[in-house]
N, C-alpha and C. Protein backbone atom coordinates (compact mmCIF):
# COMPACT_ATOMS: atom_id res chain seq x y z
N UNK A 1 100.01 -184.03 -56.38
CA UNK A 1 99.19 -183.65 -57.46
C UNK A 1 99.83 -182.66 -58.28
N UNK A 2 100.04 -182.81 -59.60
CA UNK A 2 100.68 -181.90 -60.49
C UNK A 2 99.90 -181.62 -61.80
N UNK A 3 100.07 -180.41 -62.27
CA UNK A 3 99.41 -180.02 -63.58
C UNK A 3 100.40 -179.24 -64.34
N UNK A 4 100.51 -179.49 -65.63
CA UNK A 4 101.41 -178.83 -66.47
C UNK A 4 100.75 -178.34 -67.78
N UNK A 5 101.09 -177.14 -68.13
CA UNK A 5 100.53 -176.47 -69.36
C UNK A 5 101.68 -176.13 -70.30
N UNK A 6 101.79 -176.75 -71.43
CA UNK A 6 102.75 -176.35 -72.51
C UNK A 6 102.13 -175.42 -73.43
N UNK A 7 102.35 -174.11 -73.09
CA UNK A 7 101.56 -173.08 -73.82
C UNK A 7 102.18 -172.66 -75.11
N UNK A 8 103.45 -173.03 -75.34
CA UNK A 8 104.12 -172.74 -76.61
C UNK A 8 105.35 -173.65 -76.72
N UNK A 9 106.01 -173.84 -77.88
CA UNK A 9 107.25 -174.58 -77.97
C UNK A 9 108.25 -174.24 -76.90
N UNK A 10 108.86 -175.20 -76.30
CA UNK A 10 109.90 -175.00 -75.26
C UNK A 10 109.47 -174.19 -74.12
N UNK A 11 108.17 -174.20 -73.79
CA UNK A 11 107.61 -173.39 -72.68
C UNK A 11 106.69 -174.28 -71.86
N UNK A 12 106.65 -173.95 -70.62
CA UNK A 12 105.81 -174.72 -69.59
C UNK A 12 105.49 -173.86 -68.44
N UNK A 13 104.29 -174.07 -67.94
CA UNK A 13 103.77 -173.51 -66.61
C UNK A 13 103.25 -174.75 -65.82
N UNK A 14 103.85 -174.92 -64.68
CA UNK A 14 103.46 -176.15 -63.96
C UNK A 14 103.32 -175.79 -62.46
N UNK A 15 102.41 -176.57 -61.82
CA UNK A 15 102.26 -176.42 -60.32
C UNK A 15 102.12 -177.83 -59.75
N UNK A 16 102.64 -177.93 -58.50
CA UNK A 16 102.56 -179.23 -57.86
C UNK A 16 102.14 -178.97 -56.35
N UNK A 17 101.11 -179.73 -56.02
CA UNK A 17 100.71 -179.75 -54.55
C UNK A 17 101.28 -181.10 -53.95
N UNK A 18 101.95 -181.01 -52.77
CA UNK A 18 102.56 -182.12 -52.22
C UNK A 18 102.38 -182.25 -50.75
N UNK A 19 102.42 -183.54 -50.25
CA UNK A 19 102.34 -183.88 -48.87
C UNK A 19 103.22 -185.11 -48.61
N UNK A 20 104.16 -184.79 -47.62
CA UNK A 20 105.10 -185.87 -47.28
C UNK A 20 105.01 -186.20 -45.83
N UNK A 21 104.97 -187.53 -45.53
CA UNK A 21 105.07 -188.00 -44.19
C UNK A 21 106.38 -188.62 -43.88
N UNK A 22 107.16 -187.94 -42.92
CA UNK A 22 108.51 -188.45 -42.56
C UNK A 22 108.40 -189.20 -41.29
N UNK A 23 108.75 -190.50 -41.35
CA UNK A 23 108.63 -191.39 -40.24
C UNK A 23 109.62 -191.06 -39.02
N UNK A 24 110.84 -190.78 -39.42
CA UNK A 24 111.78 -190.50 -38.31
C UNK A 24 112.95 -189.74 -38.83
N UNK A 25 112.91 -188.33 -38.63
CA UNK A 25 113.95 -187.43 -39.07
C UNK A 25 115.09 -187.37 -38.14
N UNK A 26 116.22 -186.86 -38.61
CA UNK A 26 117.43 -186.75 -37.74
C UNK A 26 117.68 -185.30 -37.29
N UNK A 27 117.88 -185.13 -36.04
CA UNK A 27 118.14 -183.82 -35.48
C UNK A 27 119.37 -183.89 -34.62
N UNK A 28 120.26 -182.96 -34.78
CA UNK A 28 121.46 -182.82 -33.97
C UNK A 28 121.17 -182.05 -32.73
N UNK A 29 121.34 -182.64 -31.53
CA UNK A 29 121.05 -181.99 -30.29
C UNK A 29 122.28 -181.99 -29.40
N UNK A 30 122.38 -181.07 -28.54
CA UNK A 30 123.49 -180.98 -27.55
C UNK A 30 122.95 -181.25 -26.10
N UNK A 31 123.38 -182.33 -25.53
CA UNK A 31 122.96 -182.75 -24.24
C UNK A 31 124.14 -183.02 -23.31
N UNK A 32 123.78 -183.00 -22.10
CA UNK A 32 124.83 -183.38 -21.08
C UNK A 32 124.99 -184.92 -20.97
N UNK A 33 126.20 -185.41 -21.09
CA UNK A 33 126.55 -186.86 -21.04
C UNK A 33 127.64 -187.06 -20.03
N UNK A 34 127.60 -188.11 -19.36
CA UNK A 34 128.69 -188.41 -18.38
C UNK A 34 129.64 -189.47 -19.00
N UNK A 35 130.88 -189.10 -19.03
CA UNK A 35 131.97 -189.99 -19.62
C UNK A 35 133.16 -190.00 -18.69
N UNK A 36 133.89 -191.09 -18.72
CA UNK A 36 135.08 -191.25 -17.81
C UNK A 36 136.24 -190.33 -18.35
N UNK A 37 136.76 -189.52 -17.43
CA UNK A 37 137.86 -188.61 -17.74
C UNK A 37 139.17 -189.24 -17.29
N UNK A 38 139.97 -189.68 -18.29
CA UNK A 38 141.22 -190.37 -17.91
C UNK A 38 142.18 -189.43 -17.26
N UNK A 39 142.19 -188.15 -17.57
CA UNK A 39 143.16 -187.16 -16.86
C UNK A 39 142.83 -187.01 -15.45
N UNK A 40 141.54 -187.05 -15.12
CA UNK A 40 141.16 -186.85 -13.70
C UNK A 40 140.75 -188.15 -13.02
N UNK A 41 140.76 -189.19 -13.72
CA UNK A 41 140.45 -190.53 -13.17
C UNK A 41 139.09 -190.50 -12.48
N UNK A 42 138.10 -189.90 -13.15
CA UNK A 42 136.74 -189.95 -12.61
C UNK A 42 135.76 -189.53 -13.71
N UNK A 43 134.49 -189.78 -13.42
CA UNK A 43 133.45 -189.39 -14.43
C UNK A 43 133.30 -187.86 -14.45
N UNK A 44 133.07 -187.40 -15.72
CA UNK A 44 132.93 -185.97 -15.94
C UNK A 44 131.70 -185.75 -16.87
N UNK A 45 131.02 -184.65 -16.59
CA UNK A 45 129.83 -184.18 -17.40
C UNK A 45 130.34 -183.36 -18.52
N UNK A 46 129.92 -183.80 -19.82
CA UNK A 46 130.30 -183.05 -20.95
C UNK A 46 129.05 -182.67 -21.70
N UNK A 47 129.10 -181.51 -22.44
CA UNK A 47 128.09 -181.20 -23.46
C UNK A 47 128.45 -181.82 -24.79
N UNK A 48 127.68 -182.71 -25.20
CA UNK A 48 127.98 -183.53 -26.43
C UNK A 48 126.85 -183.25 -27.45
N UNK A 49 127.34 -182.88 -28.67
CA UNK A 49 126.41 -182.79 -29.83
C UNK A 49 126.47 -184.06 -30.64
N UNK A 50 125.34 -184.61 -30.93
CA UNK A 50 125.32 -185.78 -31.82
C UNK A 50 123.98 -185.88 -32.51
N UNK A 51 123.88 -186.55 -33.63
CA UNK A 51 122.58 -186.77 -34.29
C UNK A 51 121.71 -187.81 -33.56
N UNK A 52 120.44 -187.55 -33.47
CA UNK A 52 119.49 -188.34 -32.83
C UNK A 52 118.21 -188.56 -33.71
N UNK A 53 117.54 -189.63 -33.57
CA UNK A 53 116.27 -189.90 -34.15
C UNK A 53 115.23 -188.97 -33.33
N UNK A 54 114.51 -188.12 -34.10
CA UNK A 54 113.70 -187.15 -33.34
C UNK A 54 112.21 -187.30 -33.59
N UNK A 55 111.79 -188.35 -34.24
CA UNK A 55 110.37 -188.54 -34.34
C UNK A 55 109.89 -188.27 -35.81
N UNK A 56 108.57 -188.14 -35.91
CA UNK A 56 107.98 -188.04 -37.21
C UNK A 56 107.67 -186.53 -37.49
N UNK A 57 107.35 -186.28 -38.79
CA UNK A 57 107.05 -184.86 -39.19
C UNK A 57 106.26 -184.96 -40.48
N UNK A 58 105.53 -183.90 -40.69
CA UNK A 58 104.71 -183.67 -41.92
C UNK A 58 105.25 -182.51 -42.72
N UNK A 59 105.25 -182.66 -44.01
CA UNK A 59 105.62 -181.51 -44.95
C UNK A 59 104.49 -181.35 -45.95
N UNK A 60 103.99 -180.21 -46.13
CA UNK A 60 102.92 -179.91 -47.17
C UNK A 60 103.23 -178.61 -47.73
N UNK A 61 102.91 -178.47 -49.05
CA UNK A 61 103.14 -177.24 -49.66
C UNK A 61 102.76 -177.24 -51.17
N UNK A 62 103.32 -176.27 -51.87
CA UNK A 62 102.94 -176.03 -53.29
C UNK A 62 104.25 -175.51 -53.95
N UNK A 63 104.48 -175.90 -55.23
CA UNK A 63 105.50 -175.38 -55.99
C UNK A 63 105.03 -174.94 -57.34
N UNK A 64 105.60 -173.84 -57.91
CA UNK A 64 105.26 -173.37 -59.23
C UNK A 64 106.59 -173.33 -60.07
N UNK A 65 106.47 -173.65 -61.29
CA UNK A 65 107.63 -173.62 -62.23
C UNK A 65 107.18 -173.01 -63.57
N UNK A 66 108.06 -172.15 -64.10
CA UNK A 66 107.78 -171.45 -65.38
C UNK A 66 109.04 -171.43 -66.23
N UNK A 67 108.83 -171.76 -67.48
CA UNK A 67 109.96 -171.70 -68.42
C UNK A 67 109.45 -171.27 -69.79
N UNK A 68 110.21 -170.38 -70.47
CA UNK A 68 109.76 -169.99 -71.77
C UNK A 68 110.98 -169.46 -72.60
N UNK A 69 110.95 -169.52 -73.79
CA UNK A 69 111.91 -169.02 -74.75
C UNK A 69 111.27 -168.07 -75.74
N UNK A 70 112.03 -167.08 -76.15
CA UNK A 70 111.52 -166.11 -77.10
C UNK A 70 112.26 -166.27 -78.41
N UNK A 71 111.69 -165.66 -79.50
CA UNK A 71 112.31 -165.76 -80.80
C UNK A 71 113.72 -165.20 -80.96
N UNK A 72 114.03 -164.25 -80.09
CA UNK A 72 115.31 -163.61 -80.22
C UNK A 72 116.39 -164.27 -79.40
N UNK A 73 116.19 -165.43 -78.89
CA UNK A 73 117.23 -166.18 -78.15
C UNK A 73 117.17 -166.02 -76.63
N UNK A 74 116.34 -165.07 -76.21
CA UNK A 74 116.19 -164.86 -74.71
C UNK A 74 115.21 -165.86 -74.16
N UNK A 75 115.32 -166.09 -72.91
CA UNK A 75 114.40 -167.02 -72.18
C UNK A 75 114.43 -166.73 -70.74
N UNK A 76 113.57 -167.46 -70.02
CA UNK A 76 113.43 -167.27 -68.57
C UNK A 76 113.06 -168.61 -67.90
N UNK A 77 113.76 -168.92 -66.83
CA UNK A 77 113.37 -170.06 -65.98
C UNK A 77 113.07 -169.46 -64.61
N UNK A 78 111.96 -169.90 -63.99
CA UNK A 78 111.63 -169.38 -62.65
C UNK A 78 110.87 -170.54 -61.85
N UNK A 79 111.15 -170.58 -60.59
CA UNK A 79 110.29 -171.44 -59.79
C UNK A 79 110.22 -170.88 -58.38
N UNK A 80 109.13 -171.32 -57.69
CA UNK A 80 108.90 -170.87 -56.32
C UNK A 80 108.36 -172.11 -55.57
N UNK A 81 108.80 -172.31 -54.26
CA UNK A 81 108.28 -173.44 -53.50
C UNK A 81 107.91 -172.89 -52.10
N UNK A 82 106.74 -173.29 -51.63
CA UNK A 82 106.26 -173.04 -50.31
C UNK A 82 106.17 -174.40 -49.62
N UNK A 83 106.86 -174.59 -48.45
CA UNK A 83 106.78 -175.83 -47.74
C UNK A 83 106.59 -175.53 -46.33
N UNK A 84 105.42 -175.99 -45.79
CA UNK A 84 105.09 -175.91 -44.38
C UNK A 84 105.39 -177.24 -43.79
N UNK A 85 106.37 -177.24 -42.82
CA UNK A 85 106.84 -178.49 -42.15
C UNK A 85 106.74 -178.42 -40.64
N UNK A 86 106.28 -179.44 -40.04
CA UNK A 86 106.16 -179.46 -38.55
C UNK A 86 106.38 -180.88 -38.04
N UNK A 87 107.21 -180.96 -36.99
CA UNK A 87 107.37 -182.20 -36.34
C UNK A 87 106.24 -182.49 -35.41
N UNK A 88 106.16 -183.74 -35.01
CA UNK A 88 105.01 -184.22 -34.19
C UNK A 88 105.00 -183.57 -32.79
N UNK A 89 106.12 -182.95 -32.41
CA UNK A 89 106.19 -182.23 -31.14
C UNK A 89 106.00 -180.74 -31.24
N UNK A 90 105.60 -180.34 -32.54
CA UNK A 90 105.37 -178.89 -32.72
C UNK A 90 106.49 -178.09 -33.24
N UNK A 91 107.75 -178.69 -33.19
CA UNK A 91 108.93 -177.96 -33.66
C UNK A 91 108.90 -177.86 -35.28
N UNK A 92 109.79 -176.87 -35.72
CA UNK A 92 109.99 -176.89 -37.20
C UNK A 92 110.87 -177.97 -37.58
N UNK A 93 110.81 -178.34 -38.90
CA UNK A 93 111.63 -179.48 -39.39
C UNK A 93 112.98 -178.83 -39.75
N UNK A 94 114.08 -179.48 -39.34
CA UNK A 94 115.42 -178.94 -39.59
C UNK A 94 115.59 -178.78 -41.09
N UNK A 95 116.32 -177.74 -41.48
CA UNK A 95 116.78 -177.46 -42.87
C UNK A 95 115.68 -177.14 -43.78
N UNK A 96 114.46 -176.94 -43.33
CA UNK A 96 113.35 -176.68 -44.28
C UNK A 96 113.14 -175.18 -44.25
N UNK A 97 113.24 -174.53 -45.37
CA UNK A 97 112.94 -173.17 -45.58
C UNK A 97 111.44 -173.12 -46.03
N UNK A 98 110.75 -172.26 -45.47
CA UNK A 98 109.25 -172.18 -45.90
C UNK A 98 109.13 -171.64 -47.25
N UNK A 99 110.04 -170.70 -47.64
CA UNK A 99 109.95 -170.12 -49.03
C UNK A 99 111.29 -170.26 -49.79
N UNK A 100 111.25 -170.59 -50.96
CA UNK A 100 112.47 -170.64 -51.87
C UNK A 100 112.14 -170.13 -53.21
N UNK A 101 112.93 -169.28 -53.81
CA UNK A 101 112.67 -168.64 -55.17
C UNK A 101 113.99 -168.76 -55.95
N UNK A 102 113.78 -169.14 -57.23
CA UNK A 102 114.91 -169.14 -58.17
C UNK A 102 114.43 -168.43 -59.48
N UNK A 103 115.26 -167.44 -59.94
CA UNK A 103 114.99 -166.73 -61.17
C UNK A 103 116.23 -166.75 -62.07
N UNK A 104 116.03 -167.21 -63.38
CA UNK A 104 117.16 -167.39 -64.21
C UNK A 104 116.89 -167.03 -65.59
N UNK A 105 117.11 -165.68 -65.94
CA UNK A 105 117.04 -165.29 -67.38
C UNK A 105 118.22 -165.79 -68.16
N UNK A 106 118.08 -166.09 -69.44
CA UNK A 106 119.19 -166.61 -70.20
C UNK A 106 119.12 -166.12 -71.63
N UNK A 107 120.23 -166.36 -72.37
CA UNK A 107 120.36 -166.01 -73.79
C UNK A 107 121.12 -167.10 -74.46
N UNK A 108 120.68 -167.58 -75.64
CA UNK A 108 121.34 -168.57 -76.42
C UNK A 108 121.23 -168.39 -77.83
N UNK A 109 122.38 -168.51 -78.59
CA UNK A 109 122.32 -168.56 -80.10
C UNK A 109 123.36 -169.59 -80.58
N UNK A 110 123.67 -169.54 -81.83
CA UNK A 110 124.64 -170.54 -82.25
C UNK A 110 126.00 -170.47 -81.64
N UNK A 111 126.41 -169.19 -81.25
CA UNK A 111 127.76 -169.02 -80.74
C UNK A 111 127.71 -168.60 -79.26
N UNK A 112 126.78 -167.83 -78.84
CA UNK A 112 126.85 -167.35 -77.50
C UNK A 112 125.80 -168.00 -76.58
N UNK A 113 126.13 -168.18 -75.31
CA UNK A 113 125.13 -168.48 -74.29
C UNK A 113 125.48 -167.83 -72.98
N UNK A 114 124.46 -167.29 -72.34
CA UNK A 114 124.68 -166.51 -71.09
C UNK A 114 123.43 -166.81 -70.20
N UNK A 115 123.77 -166.77 -68.86
CA UNK A 115 122.75 -167.06 -67.91
C UNK A 115 123.01 -166.34 -66.62
N UNK A 116 121.95 -165.78 -65.95
CA UNK A 116 122.12 -165.21 -64.61
C UNK A 116 121.17 -165.91 -63.82
N UNK A 117 121.52 -166.36 -62.57
CA UNK A 117 120.62 -167.00 -61.69
C UNK A 117 120.61 -166.43 -60.29
N UNK A 118 119.41 -166.01 -59.92
CA UNK A 118 119.26 -165.45 -58.54
C UNK A 118 118.43 -166.47 -57.73
N UNK A 119 118.96 -166.72 -56.48
CA UNK A 119 118.25 -167.72 -55.58
C UNK A 119 118.12 -167.02 -54.24
N UNK A 120 116.97 -167.38 -53.62
CA UNK A 120 116.74 -166.82 -52.28
C UNK A 120 115.98 -167.84 -51.47
N UNK A 121 116.29 -168.13 -50.25
CA UNK A 121 115.54 -169.02 -49.34
C UNK A 121 115.34 -168.36 -48.07
N UNK A 122 114.25 -168.57 -47.35
CA UNK A 122 113.99 -167.91 -46.11
C UNK A 122 114.71 -168.68 -45.00
N UNK A 123 114.62 -168.13 -43.77
CA UNK A 123 115.43 -168.71 -42.74
C UNK A 123 115.08 -170.12 -42.42
N UNK A 124 115.92 -170.94 -41.83
CA UNK A 124 115.59 -172.27 -41.51
C UNK A 124 116.31 -172.72 -40.18
N UNK A 125 115.62 -173.53 -39.51
CA UNK A 125 116.11 -174.13 -38.26
C UNK A 125 117.03 -175.24 -38.41
N UNK A 126 118.10 -175.39 -37.69
CA UNK A 126 119.09 -176.40 -38.02
C UNK A 126 119.25 -177.43 -36.84
N UNK A 127 119.34 -177.01 -35.61
CA UNK A 127 119.58 -177.94 -34.53
C UNK A 127 119.20 -177.32 -33.17
N UNK A 128 119.24 -178.14 -32.10
CA UNK A 128 119.13 -177.74 -30.75
C UNK A 128 120.49 -177.77 -30.05
N UNK A 129 120.92 -176.65 -29.38
CA UNK A 129 122.12 -176.65 -28.73
C UNK A 129 121.90 -176.16 -27.26
N UNK A 130 121.98 -176.97 -26.30
CA UNK A 130 121.80 -176.68 -24.85
C UNK A 130 120.49 -175.87 -24.66
N UNK A 131 119.47 -176.38 -25.26
CA UNK A 131 118.05 -175.79 -25.03
C UNK A 131 117.81 -174.64 -26.04
N UNK A 132 118.74 -174.14 -26.73
CA UNK A 132 118.48 -173.09 -27.68
C UNK A 132 118.35 -173.59 -29.15
N UNK A 133 117.37 -172.97 -29.87
CA UNK A 133 117.15 -173.39 -31.21
C UNK A 133 118.13 -172.60 -32.09
N UNK A 134 118.98 -173.26 -32.94
CA UNK A 134 119.90 -172.54 -33.87
C UNK A 134 119.17 -172.34 -35.21
N UNK A 135 119.18 -171.13 -35.71
CA UNK A 135 118.48 -170.80 -36.86
C UNK A 135 119.51 -170.09 -37.80
N UNK A 136 119.42 -170.44 -39.12
CA UNK A 136 120.25 -169.80 -40.12
C UNK A 136 119.37 -168.75 -40.81
N UNK A 137 119.89 -167.59 -40.93
CA UNK A 137 119.09 -166.43 -41.51
C UNK A 137 118.81 -166.72 -43.00
N UNK A 138 117.89 -165.94 -43.56
CA UNK A 138 117.51 -166.00 -44.94
C UNK A 138 118.72 -165.63 -45.78
N UNK A 139 118.80 -166.15 -46.95
CA UNK A 139 120.06 -166.04 -47.73
C UNK A 139 119.75 -165.92 -49.29
N UNK A 140 120.48 -164.99 -49.86
CA UNK A 140 120.28 -164.72 -51.32
C UNK A 140 121.63 -164.90 -52.05
N UNK A 141 121.64 -165.40 -53.24
CA UNK A 141 122.83 -165.50 -54.00
C UNK A 141 122.62 -165.17 -55.46
N UNK A 142 123.67 -164.76 -56.18
CA UNK A 142 123.55 -164.45 -57.59
C UNK A 142 124.78 -165.06 -58.25
N UNK A 143 124.50 -165.88 -59.32
CA UNK A 143 125.54 -166.54 -60.11
C UNK A 143 125.30 -166.11 -61.52
N UNK A 144 126.35 -166.06 -62.40
CA UNK A 144 126.28 -165.80 -63.79
C UNK A 144 127.32 -166.53 -64.59
N UNK A 145 127.03 -166.81 -65.84
CA UNK A 145 127.94 -167.43 -66.78
C UNK A 145 127.74 -166.98 -68.16
N UNK A 146 128.83 -167.00 -68.91
CA UNK A 146 128.83 -166.59 -70.33
C UNK A 146 129.81 -167.60 -71.05
N UNK A 147 129.40 -168.07 -72.15
CA UNK A 147 130.22 -168.99 -72.97
C UNK A 147 130.12 -168.57 -74.50
N UNK A 148 131.34 -168.78 -75.15
CA UNK A 148 131.41 -168.51 -76.53
C UNK A 148 131.99 -169.76 -77.21
N UNK A 149 131.25 -170.22 -78.35
CA UNK A 149 131.73 -171.34 -79.05
C UNK A 149 132.57 -170.87 -80.22
N UNK A 150 133.88 -171.20 -80.05
CA UNK A 150 134.84 -170.79 -81.15
C UNK A 150 134.69 -171.69 -82.36
N UNK A 151 134.64 -173.01 -82.11
CA UNK A 151 134.41 -173.98 -83.17
C UNK A 151 133.29 -174.94 -82.65
N UNK A 152 132.94 -175.92 -83.45
CA UNK A 152 131.99 -176.98 -82.86
C UNK A 152 132.63 -177.77 -81.84
N UNK A 153 133.91 -177.76 -81.68
CA UNK A 153 134.55 -178.58 -80.64
C UNK A 153 135.19 -177.74 -79.53
N UNK A 154 135.41 -176.39 -79.78
CA UNK A 154 136.19 -175.62 -78.78
C UNK A 154 135.30 -174.39 -78.41
N UNK A 155 135.22 -174.20 -77.03
CA UNK A 155 134.62 -173.11 -76.45
C UNK A 155 135.24 -172.54 -75.24
N UNK A 156 134.93 -171.27 -74.96
CA UNK A 156 135.63 -170.62 -73.77
C UNK A 156 134.44 -170.15 -72.92
N UNK A 157 134.63 -170.00 -71.59
CA UNK A 157 133.58 -169.54 -70.80
C UNK A 157 134.10 -168.82 -69.49
N UNK A 158 133.24 -168.10 -68.99
CA UNK A 158 133.48 -167.36 -67.63
C UNK A 158 132.36 -167.53 -66.75
N UNK A 159 132.60 -168.00 -65.54
CA UNK A 159 131.56 -168.30 -64.59
C UNK A 159 131.83 -167.33 -63.32
N UNK A 160 130.74 -166.73 -62.88
CA UNK A 160 130.87 -165.93 -61.60
C UNK A 160 129.93 -166.48 -60.54
N UNK A 161 130.39 -166.78 -59.37
CA UNK A 161 129.62 -167.33 -58.36
C UNK A 161 129.56 -166.50 -57.08
N UNK A 162 128.38 -166.38 -56.48
CA UNK A 162 128.19 -165.45 -55.31
C UNK A 162 128.61 -164.13 -55.56
N UNK A 163 128.08 -163.52 -56.71
CA UNK A 163 128.38 -162.16 -57.11
C UNK A 163 127.99 -161.12 -56.17
N UNK A 164 126.91 -161.38 -55.31
CA UNK A 164 126.55 -160.43 -54.28
C UNK A 164 127.46 -160.42 -53.10
N UNK A 165 128.39 -161.34 -53.06
CA UNK A 165 129.27 -161.46 -51.80
C UNK A 165 128.39 -161.63 -50.66
N UNK A 166 127.39 -162.49 -50.70
CA UNK A 166 126.38 -162.67 -49.66
C UNK A 166 126.99 -163.14 -48.34
N UNK A 167 126.43 -162.61 -47.23
CA UNK A 167 126.87 -163.02 -45.98
C UNK A 167 125.60 -163.45 -45.24
N UNK A 168 125.64 -164.54 -44.52
CA UNK A 168 124.48 -165.03 -43.76
C UNK A 168 124.91 -165.43 -42.34
N UNK A 169 123.88 -165.36 -41.50
CA UNK A 169 124.10 -165.57 -40.01
C UNK A 169 123.47 -166.79 -39.45
N UNK A 170 124.05 -167.38 -38.48
CA UNK A 170 123.43 -168.42 -37.68
C UNK A 170 123.25 -167.84 -36.24
N UNK A 171 122.06 -167.93 -35.72
CA UNK A 171 121.86 -167.30 -34.40
C UNK A 171 120.99 -168.24 -33.50
N UNK A 172 121.12 -167.99 -32.29
CA UNK A 172 120.46 -168.86 -31.26
C UNK A 172 119.13 -168.07 -30.84
N UNK A 173 118.07 -168.89 -30.83
CA UNK A 173 116.76 -168.34 -30.50
C UNK A 173 116.30 -169.12 -29.16
N UNK A 174 116.22 -168.39 -28.16
CA UNK A 174 115.89 -168.92 -26.80
C UNK A 174 114.37 -169.08 -26.71
N UNK A 175 113.87 -170.36 -26.49
CA UNK A 175 112.43 -170.52 -26.37
C UNK A 175 111.85 -169.69 -25.22
N UNK A 176 110.71 -169.03 -25.51
CA UNK A 176 110.02 -168.27 -24.45
C UNK A 176 110.61 -166.94 -24.13
N UNK A 177 111.74 -166.54 -24.76
CA UNK A 177 112.36 -165.28 -24.48
C UNK A 177 112.27 -164.41 -25.75
N UNK A 178 111.78 -163.20 -25.59
CA UNK A 178 111.61 -162.29 -26.75
C UNK A 178 112.96 -161.69 -27.17
N UNK A 179 112.98 -161.17 -28.38
CA UNK A 179 114.16 -160.46 -28.90
C UNK A 179 115.50 -161.20 -28.82
N UNK A 180 115.44 -162.54 -29.04
CA UNK A 180 116.74 -163.23 -29.06
C UNK A 180 117.14 -163.71 -30.48
N UNK A 181 116.52 -163.09 -31.53
CA UNK A 181 116.85 -163.44 -32.82
C UNK A 181 118.26 -162.91 -33.26
N UNK A 182 118.92 -162.10 -32.49
CA UNK A 182 120.14 -161.53 -32.84
C UNK A 182 121.31 -162.03 -31.98
N UNK A 183 121.09 -163.16 -31.28
CA UNK A 183 122.20 -163.72 -30.58
C UNK A 183 123.09 -164.55 -31.55
N UNK A 184 123.94 -163.89 -32.22
CA UNK A 184 124.67 -164.53 -33.38
C UNK A 184 125.64 -165.57 -32.91
N UNK A 185 125.50 -166.74 -33.48
CA UNK A 185 126.48 -167.81 -33.19
C UNK A 185 127.57 -167.94 -34.27
N UNK A 186 127.24 -167.44 -35.51
CA UNK A 186 128.20 -167.54 -36.49
C UNK A 186 127.87 -166.66 -37.68
N UNK A 187 128.87 -166.09 -38.35
CA UNK A 187 128.66 -165.30 -39.56
C UNK A 187 129.54 -165.93 -40.64
N UNK A 188 128.95 -166.07 -41.87
CA UNK A 188 129.58 -166.81 -42.91
C UNK A 188 129.58 -165.98 -44.18
N UNK A 189 130.76 -165.91 -44.83
CA UNK A 189 130.91 -165.26 -46.13
C UNK A 189 131.90 -166.02 -46.91
N UNK A 190 131.59 -166.58 -48.00
CA UNK A 190 132.48 -167.40 -48.77
C UNK A 190 133.27 -166.52 -49.83
N UNK A 191 132.82 -165.33 -50.13
CA UNK A 191 133.41 -164.46 -51.11
C UNK A 191 132.98 -164.78 -52.54
N UNK A 192 133.31 -163.78 -53.37
CA UNK A 192 133.00 -163.99 -54.79
C UNK A 192 134.10 -164.97 -55.44
N UNK A 193 133.58 -165.69 -56.42
CA UNK A 193 134.50 -166.57 -57.15
C UNK A 193 134.34 -166.38 -58.63
N UNK A 194 135.44 -166.37 -59.40
CA UNK A 194 135.36 -166.35 -60.85
C UNK A 194 136.08 -167.48 -61.37
N UNK A 195 135.63 -168.08 -62.45
CA UNK A 195 136.32 -169.25 -63.02
C UNK A 195 136.29 -169.13 -64.58
N UNK A 196 137.41 -169.09 -65.20
CA UNK A 196 137.53 -169.13 -66.67
C UNK A 196 137.80 -170.56 -67.07
N UNK A 197 137.28 -170.96 -68.22
CA UNK A 197 137.35 -172.36 -68.61
C UNK A 197 137.50 -172.32 -70.16
N UNK A 198 138.29 -173.39 -70.63
CA UNK A 198 138.48 -173.68 -71.98
C UNK A 198 138.03 -175.08 -72.19
N UNK A 199 137.03 -175.32 -73.04
CA UNK A 199 136.47 -176.75 -73.25
C UNK A 199 136.70 -177.17 -74.67
N UNK A 200 137.14 -178.44 -74.73
CA UNK A 200 137.31 -179.17 -75.98
C UNK A 200 136.58 -180.42 -76.00
N UNK A 201 135.79 -180.71 -76.96
CA UNK A 201 135.00 -181.92 -76.98
C UNK A 201 135.27 -182.63 -78.28
N UNK A 202 135.31 -183.93 -78.29
CA UNK A 202 135.55 -184.75 -79.51
C UNK A 202 134.81 -185.91 -79.44
């Protein structure tokens, strides 16, 4: 169910209520499997990670979106989504963040255009590894771009990605054991990136 309000030219306030029924989602799990070991000429037990059909799940939530432009060329895009997801066995749904936010102020005129985008998502569960739930920590990022139109056909631009130099963690959460949220399995940092561009259209 969705509702939209166009309160001024180039502006909108919208909300959506949603419910999704997933018949059979995919979950990567690590389990013991027995395979023939050619080096030892006998069967050997291995820990093998592979995708499996994990059953059904429900997703329900609400999203809000806002967009507006002002007379001086400035504007704002914003959205927020809350999604509560649960599998039929009571587990969280893989890769579903309960909360996600995007904020993007911008400026545009005949020659210049600029935009800054901030994104944040809460932690999310990814897979099961030898009885432990692997969870990726909440994550924030900041991107920006600026472009200048030299002529109607030629423009230059500068884009910055991951300007916060964000780092996020994947950790193992042991069921039934307290204070296991800091058993770090991986730390990830992609670094800041800058890209200059020259565009010609005809």
